[in-house]
Amino acid sequence: MDDAGFNHVRSNACGYSLGAVFAPIWMDYPMFYRDNPVVAVPGMVFFLHMILMDSHRHQAMSLGETVLVTDTVPERLSAAPLELVVK
């Protein structure tokens, strides 16, 4: 997103793990961010997302999907198609 000129509207975190959590938190540790020392290992499940939010224009967009870390390539768990949905 930075290379495309969106660094001023992107979030610094781009995903988080899924697991059993308790209120008031709605996401589990660890979150994805640059230089996070946590290593993703097989069996971990993550929701990977990219959020762009331009508060000055009152515009936002988000895309993401859930993946399972395996011994080889991540397994996509999301059932929704990857095509753009416009409403």
N, C-alpha and C. Protein backbone atom coordinates (compact mmCIF):
# COMPACT_ATOMS: atom_id res chain seq x y z
N MET A 1 0.82 -1.18 0.00
CA MET A 1 0.00 0.00 0.00
C MET A 1 0.87 1.25 0.00
N ASP A 2 2.00 1.18 0.68
CA ASP A 2 2.90 2.34 0.70
C ASP A 2 3.39 2.66 -0.71
N ASP A 3 3.79 1.63 -1.45
CA ASP A 3 4.31 1.84 -2.80
C ASP A 3 3.25 2.44 -3.73
N ALA A 4 1.97 2.19 -3.44
CA ALA A 4 0.88 2.73 -4.25
C ALA A 4 0.43 4.11 -3.77
N GLY A 5 1.10 4.65 -2.75
CA GLY A 5 0.78 6.00 -2.28
C GLY A 5 -0.31 6.08 -1.22
N PHE A 6 -0.60 4.96 -0.55
CA PHE A 6 -1.67 4.94 0.45
C PHE A 6 -1.15 4.91 1.89
N ASN A 7 0.13 5.19 2.10
CA ASN A 7 0.69 5.08 3.45
C ASN A 7 0.03 6.04 4.44
N HIS A 8 -0.54 7.15 3.99
CA HIS A 8 -1.17 8.11 4.89
C HIS A 8 -2.57 7.67 5.34
N VAL A 9 -3.14 6.63 4.72
CA VAL A 9 -4.49 6.18 5.09
C VAL A 9 -4.54 4.71 5.50
N ARG A 10 -3.41 4.03 5.56
CA ARG A 10 -3.41 2.62 5.94
C ARG A 10 -3.20 2.45 7.44
N SER A 11 -3.65 1.31 7.96
CA SER A 11 -3.43 0.97 9.37
C SER A 11 -2.02 0.43 9.54
N ASN A 12 -1.49 0.52 10.74
CA ASN A 12 -0.16 -0.02 11.01
C ASN A 12 -0.20 -1.52 11.28
N ALA A 13 -1.34 -2.06 11.63
CA ALA A 13 -1.50 -3.50 11.82
C ALA A 13 -2.32 -4.04 10.66
N CYS A 14 -2.04 -5.27 10.25
CA CYS A 14 -2.72 -5.81 9.07
C CYS A 14 -3.25 -7.22 9.31
N GLY A 15 -3.63 -7.53 10.52
CA GLY A 15 -4.20 -8.84 10.80
C GLY A 15 -3.98 -9.23 12.25
N TYR A 16 -4.65 -10.29 12.64
CA TYR A 16 -4.53 -10.77 14.01
C TYR A 16 -4.89 -12.24 14.06
N SER A 17 -4.46 -12.91 15.11
CA SER A 17 -4.76 -14.33 15.26
C SER A 17 -6.19 -14.50 15.76
N LEU A 18 -6.74 -15.68 15.54
CA LEU A 18 -8.07 -16.01 16.02
C LEU A 18 -7.96 -17.08 17.09
N GLY A 19 -8.71 -16.93 18.15
CA GLY A 19 -8.67 -17.90 19.23
C GLY A 19 -9.72 -17.57 20.25
N ALA A 20 -9.67 -18.23 21.37
CA ALA A 20 -10.63 -17.99 22.45
C ALA A 20 -10.19 -16.76 23.22
N VAL A 21 -11.04 -15.74 23.23
CA VAL A 21 -10.74 -14.51 23.96
C VAL A 21 -11.95 -14.12 24.79
N PHE A 22 -11.74 -13.23 25.72
CA PHE A 22 -12.81 -12.80 26.60
C PHE A 22 -12.98 -11.28 26.54
N ALA A 23 -14.19 -10.81 26.77
CA ALA A 23 -14.50 -9.38 26.73
C ALA A 23 -13.57 -8.65 27.70
N PRO A 24 -13.18 -7.43 27.40
CA PRO A 24 -13.68 -6.57 26.33
C PRO A 24 -12.86 -6.65 25.05
N ILE A 25 -12.00 -7.63 24.89
CA ILE A 25 -11.15 -7.72 23.71
C ILE A 25 -11.83 -8.56 22.63
N TRP A 26 -11.73 -8.16 21.38
CA TRP A 26 -12.38 -8.89 20.29
C TRP A 26 -11.38 -9.55 19.36
N MET A 27 -10.10 -9.40 19.63
CA MET A 27 -9.09 -10.07 18.83
C MET A 27 -8.03 -10.68 19.73
N ASP A 28 -7.38 -11.68 19.25
CA ASP A 28 -6.39 -12.41 20.03
C ASP A 28 -4.98 -11.95 19.67
N TYR A 29 -4.05 -12.12 20.57
CA TYR A 29 -2.63 -11.85 20.33
C TYR A 29 -2.10 -13.01 19.49
N PRO A 30 -1.20 -12.82 18.58
CA PRO A 30 -0.53 -11.58 18.22
C PRO A 30 -1.18 -10.89 17.02
N MET A 31 -0.99 -9.59 16.94
CA MET A 31 -1.41 -8.85 15.76
C MET A 31 -0.25 -8.83 14.77
N PHE A 32 -0.56 -8.63 13.50
CA PHE A 32 0.46 -8.52 12.46
C PHE A 32 0.90 -7.07 12.36
N TYR A 33 2.18 -6.83 12.52
CA TYR A 33 2.74 -5.51 12.30
C TYR A 33 4.23 -5.67 12.03
N ARG A 34 4.83 -4.66 11.45
CA ARG A 34 6.24 -4.72 11.09
C ARG A 34 7.10 -5.01 12.31
N ASP A 35 8.06 -5.92 12.16
CA ASP A 35 9.04 -6.29 13.18
C ASP A 35 8.46 -7.03 14.38
N ASN A 36 7.24 -7.57 14.26
CA ASN A 36 6.68 -8.40 15.33
C ASN A 36 7.56 -9.66 15.45
N PRO A 37 8.07 -9.99 16.62
CA PRO A 37 8.97 -11.13 16.77
C PRO A 37 8.27 -12.50 16.80
N VAL A 38 6.94 -12.53 16.87
CA VAL A 38 6.21 -13.80 16.94
C VAL A 38 6.32 -14.53 15.61
N VAL A 39 6.61 -15.83 15.67
CA VAL A 39 6.72 -16.66 14.48
C VAL A 39 5.41 -17.40 14.27
N ALA A 40 4.86 -17.34 13.05
CA ALA A 40 3.66 -18.10 12.71
C ALA A 40 4.06 -19.57 12.52
N VAL A 41 3.37 -20.47 13.23
CA VAL A 41 3.68 -21.89 13.16
C VAL A 41 2.43 -22.65 12.74
N PRO A 42 2.59 -23.87 12.17
CA PRO A 42 1.44 -24.66 11.75
C PRO A 42 0.42 -24.82 12.87
N GLY A 43 -0.86 -24.67 12.48
CA GLY A 43 -1.96 -24.78 13.43
C GLY A 43 -2.51 -23.43 13.85
N MET A 44 -1.76 -22.36 13.66
CA MET A 44 -2.25 -21.03 14.00
C MET A 44 -3.23 -20.56 12.92
N VAL A 45 -4.25 -19.82 13.32
CA VAL A 45 -5.24 -19.27 12.40
C VAL A 45 -5.19 -17.75 12.52
N PHE A 46 -5.15 -17.09 11.37
CA PHE A 46 -5.07 -15.63 11.33
C PHE A 46 -6.14 -15.05 10.43
N PHE A 47 -6.62 -13.88 10.81
CA PHE A 47 -7.44 -13.07 9.91
C PHE A 47 -6.51 -11.99 9.38
N LEU A 48 -6.23 -12.03 8.08
CA LEU A 48 -5.34 -11.06 7.45
C LEU A 48 -6.19 -10.00 6.78
N HIS A 49 -5.90 -8.75 7.05
CA HIS A 49 -6.73 -7.69 6.47
C HIS A 49 -5.90 -6.47 6.13
N MET A 50 -6.45 -5.66 5.26
CA MET A 50 -5.88 -4.36 4.93
C MET A 50 -7.01 -3.36 5.04
N ILE A 51 -6.81 -2.32 5.81
CA ILE A 51 -7.82 -1.28 6.00
C ILE A 51 -7.23 0.04 5.52
N LEU A 52 -7.96 0.72 4.66
CA LEU A 52 -7.60 2.07 4.25
C LEU A 52 -8.71 2.98 4.75
N MET A 53 -8.36 4.01 5.50
CA MET A 53 -9.37 4.92 6.05
C MET A 53 -8.91 6.36 5.88
N ASP A 54 -9.66 7.10 5.07
CA ASP A 54 -9.38 8.51 4.82
C ASP A 54 -10.43 9.32 5.57
N SER A 55 -10.12 9.71 6.78
CA SER A 55 -11.07 10.43 7.64
C SER A 55 -11.48 11.78 7.06
N HIS A 56 -10.57 12.43 6.36
CA HIS A 56 -10.87 13.75 5.78
C HIS A 56 -11.94 13.65 4.69
N ARG A 57 -11.95 12.55 3.96
CA ARG A 57 -12.94 12.37 2.88
C ARG A 57 -14.12 11.51 3.32
N HIS A 58 -14.07 11.01 4.55
CA HIS A 58 -15.12 10.12 5.07
C HIS A 58 -15.26 8.88 4.20
N GLN A 59 -14.11 8.29 3.83
CA GLN A 59 -14.09 7.09 3.00
C GLN A 59 -13.23 6.02 3.68
N ALA A 60 -13.65 4.78 3.51
CA ALA A 60 -12.87 3.67 4.05
C ALA A 60 -13.14 2.42 3.23
N MET A 61 -12.19 1.50 3.26
CA MET A 61 -12.36 0.19 2.63
C MET A 61 -11.53 -0.82 3.40
N SER A 62 -11.98 -2.05 3.33
CA SER A 62 -11.26 -3.13 4.00
C SER A 62 -11.43 -4.41 3.20
N LEU A 63 -10.40 -5.20 3.17
CA LEU A 63 -10.48 -6.53 2.58
C LEU A 63 -9.70 -7.47 3.48
N GLY A 64 -10.08 -8.72 3.47
CA GLY A 64 -9.38 -9.67 4.32
C GLY A 64 -9.89 -11.08 4.16
N GLU A 65 -9.17 -12.00 4.72
CA GLU A 65 -9.59 -13.40 4.71
C GLU A 65 -8.89 -14.15 5.83
N THR A 66 -9.47 -15.29 6.18
CA THR A 66 -8.96 -16.12 7.25
C THR A 66 -8.10 -17.24 6.66
N VAL A 67 -6.93 -17.47 7.26
CA VAL A 67 -6.02 -18.51 6.78
C VAL A 67 -5.51 -19.36 7.95
N LEU A 68 -5.22 -20.60 7.64
CA LEU A 68 -4.62 -21.55 8.58
C LEU A 68 -3.17 -21.73 8.18
N VAL A 69 -2.24 -21.59 9.10
CA VAL A 69 -0.82 -21.82 8.83
C VAL A 69 -0.61 -23.33 8.80
N THR A 70 0.03 -23.81 7.73
CA THR A 70 0.32 -25.25 7.58
C THR A 70 1.84 -25.43 7.45
N ASP A 71 2.26 -26.67 7.25
CA ASP A 71 3.68 -26.96 7.05
C ASP A 71 4.18 -26.48 5.69
N THR A 72 3.26 -26.26 4.76
CA THR A 72 3.67 -25.85 3.41
C THR A 72 3.15 -24.44 3.10
N VAL A 73 1.98 -24.35 2.47
CA VAL A 73 1.42 -23.04 2.14
C VAL A 73 0.20 -22.78 3.01
N PRO A 74 -0.11 -21.52 3.33
CA PRO A 74 -1.30 -21.23 4.14
C PRO A 74 -2.57 -21.75 3.45
N GLU A 75 -3.49 -22.27 4.24
CA GLU A 75 -4.77 -22.77 3.72
C GLU A 75 -5.82 -21.69 3.90
N ARG A 76 -6.45 -21.31 2.80
CA ARG A 76 -7.49 -20.28 2.83
C ARG A 76 -8.75 -20.88 3.44
N LEU A 77 -9.27 -20.28 4.52
CA LEU A 77 -10.47 -20.77 5.18
C LEU A 77 -11.71 -19.94 4.82
N SER A 78 -11.52 -18.76 4.26
CA SER A 78 -12.64 -17.90 3.91
C SER A 78 -13.44 -18.54 2.78
N ALA A 79 -14.77 -18.45 2.88
CA ALA A 79 -15.64 -19.03 1.86
C ALA A 79 -16.04 -18.02 0.80
N ALA A 80 -15.92 -16.75 1.10
CA ALA A 80 -16.32 -15.70 0.16
C ALA A 80 -15.34 -15.64 -1.01
N PRO A 81 -15.88 -15.33 -2.20
CA PRO A 81 -14.98 -15.19 -3.36
C PRO A 81 -14.08 -13.97 -3.22
N LEU A 82 -12.97 -13.96 -3.94
CA LEU A 82 -12.03 -12.86 -3.86
C LEU A 82 -12.38 -11.70 -4.80
N GLU A 83 -13.40 -11.86 -5.65
CA GLU A 83 -13.77 -10.81 -6.56
C GLU A 83 -14.33 -9.61 -5.81
N LEU A 84 -14.16 -8.43 -6.39
CA LEU A 84 -14.63 -7.19 -5.79
C LEU A 84 -16.16 -7.15 -5.76
N VAL A 85 -16.70 -6.80 -4.61
CA VAL A 85 -18.15 -6.64 -4.45
C VAL A 85 -18.44 -5.15 -4.36
N VAL A 86 -19.29 -4.66 -5.23
CA VAL A 86 -19.66 -3.25 -5.23
C VAL A 86 -21.13 -3.12 -4.93
N LYS A 87 -21.48 -2.30 -3.94
CA LYS A 87 -22.90 -2.09 -3.60
C LYS A 87 -23.25 -0.64 -3.76
